[in-house]
Amino acid sequence: MLSTNKFWRERSISILPVTVLILFSLVDESAVAQSKDSVKEKRNSITRAYKQGMRLITTTPTDTILNAKNSDPFLPYEGKIIRFIYFQQIGFEKSIYDSTRRINSAISEFANDLHSPTRESTLRKHLFIKENMRVNPYLLADNERYLRDRDFLLDDRIVVTPVSPNSDSVDVTIITRDVFSGGANIAGDLPRAPQVSMYDNNFLGRGQRIELTLLNDPNRSPEFGFATSYRKSSIFGSLTDLEVGYTQMKSGILYGAENEYSYFVRLNRPLVSTYSRLAGGVDISSNRSQNVFMKPDSVFTYYNYNQIDLWTGYNFGIYPKRAKAFRYFLAARYFDGSVFDQHRELELPDASRSVRVVAYLSEFTLYRQEFYKTRFVLGFGRTEDVPFGLSLSFTGGLASQYGSERAYTGVKLMYSWVNKQGSIFRLDLQSGAFIKKSAFQDGVFNTRMSYYTPAYRLRKYKVRTLVSGSYTTLFQRTLSGYTTIARSDLEGFITSLAQGNHKFQMKVESTLYTPWSLLGFRLAPFVGADVVTIDCKECVSGSGTAYALSSGIRMRNENLIFGTIEFRVVYFPTSDWSSSFWRTQYNQNLKIKSSDLIVRPPSLVVY
């Protein structure tokens, strides 16, 4: 009996490890199976979202124009709980303009090897949403637009996929396409004084820009000059951008005549969403004139000045989930620029040896705003976010300039709308004036209107026309200057005689967006006409009018970081200020994004 018990005890001891191993194996196999299911589910979710995102981002040459509210794709998921947030990137081998075409493999491989893709950790620092929060369609739409506004991203889509048909949870996949972030510019007075800039807008894939500009000009002393800057997008995930820099080639912003050495620090946090509370900015710089062109002391103005520009704002009424609900934004701004003339009196009205410009402004804004997704407004097929809504702002404060301290008051009204056919309309009405001794001084009234027709499709071509106009009038002028013909009024028209208190300007321009490309640059020819009328004292009839007829072509490679390139030929018929003449122009780095927020820092009404 004892031997029998001993036999089973020995067998039990030997069987026990095997049993434990089998149990652990079963548990481990179950965990592995669950892990495999989880990985498979995640992969399937990302794959479905990626395919959906590719359909939304890419186009074909015959696609109709995209016109849709940014929030529309997210409305069916309102109130659902976000389970996971995934990220997926589109490589350079895929074209967003033609989903049926792949970019040359050698070129795309070379670009992918040189380029540092945006890191997931960098993208997460630009999110308003997080896991386990409920879906707010308008907040998701704002986040998608905010990402698209980053200059290191070409486009993005946020895709929401249900976990299961009856689940109250969803997965969110953020699909992005980078731009090739490295670039260079050659400018200056070629070939005598070349100026070369090199930059990377997404250094190491961390949303940071580094730039170095070099200048060699024989007329300068020293001949060599440089500028450098660093910018970081959304530092520490705060949605605040930091920029620092130093330059030896700055043009004086106060006088515009002398070369300046300058260093600066800037912080900027825009109101990224109508559901955000805070916005603000800091701009601090130290500047001094430098006689690099060896002017005589009797001609050169020696000065140095510091500038401080601070503003902050608070957004009220963020709780209503309705996009059409009005919200309120209250902001304050302080500006101080002290200029010290080291050698002689500045040739300015009531100038002293120290000229100080100080302003304290506050602004209250009542607004509502949404965005439409569209294409072919300023870009060449990329997704563009066009704002529409209504805002009414009241500005008040104090300003001190040239030894004169005055109160300031202003009002601004902005109204814009977009429809599903693609028409875009915007109207701005602004008026402001200083007040001293109960009387208005240096008042200005501005009205601006712009209208974009729908982008009509003509087979593989798209045509869109811009019609814009503005009217400016000055009243009770004391310290301010006259209104003049600005470069934006008539491209290439320069005269010092066109000065007055009233100005009317109108512009018509049609652009043909083509499927043509040259070395990856898409081409868009355009034709336009401009007219400007000013009541000028020098004109025989009391007013003068100038016209311009222009045509040219714009080029842009959306995969590269630098802006649109424009070649323009302009004919100016005989006007009150000149005989007829022709002019050719070359412009680069033109604005390519139309996204704009209604809420801005408090400001004066300018003209």
Foldseek 3Di string as FASTA:
>chain_A
DVVVVVVVVVVCVVCVVVVVVVVVVVVVVVVVVVVVVVVVLVVVQQVVQVVVFLVVQADALQDDWAKFFLLVQPVVLFFFFAAEEAEAEDFQQADRHRRVDGDDPVVRVVLVVVAQAADPVLLVLLAPDDGGDGDQSQSQSLSQQSVCPQLQWLHKDWDWACSDPPHSYIYIYIYTYTFSFWDKDWDDDPPQKIKIKTKGCQVNNNRKIKMKIWIAHPLFVVRIWIKIKMKHANPVSVRKIKMKMWTQADQDPVPRPFTKTKIKIKIWHDPSGLLDFKTKMKIKMKMWGDPGNPDDPVPDWTKIKIKIKIKMKTKPDNPDSDQQDKIKMKMKMKIKIKMATDPDFDPAVLTDRIWMKIWIKMKMKIWGKTWIWTDDPQAQGGTATAMFIKMKMWMWTWIAGSRDIWIKIKIKIKGWDADRQGKIKIKIWIKMFTDDPNDTEFIKIKIKIKIKDRFDDDRSKTKIKMKMKMKMATPRYDRDFFDAQDCVQPPPDDDPQQGAGIKIKIKMKMKMRHPDDDPQKGKIKMWMKMKMKHQTPPFPVRIKMKMKTKIWMWIDRSSHSWFIKIWMKIWIPDISGGHIDIDIDIDTRDDRHNDDDPDDHDDGDDD
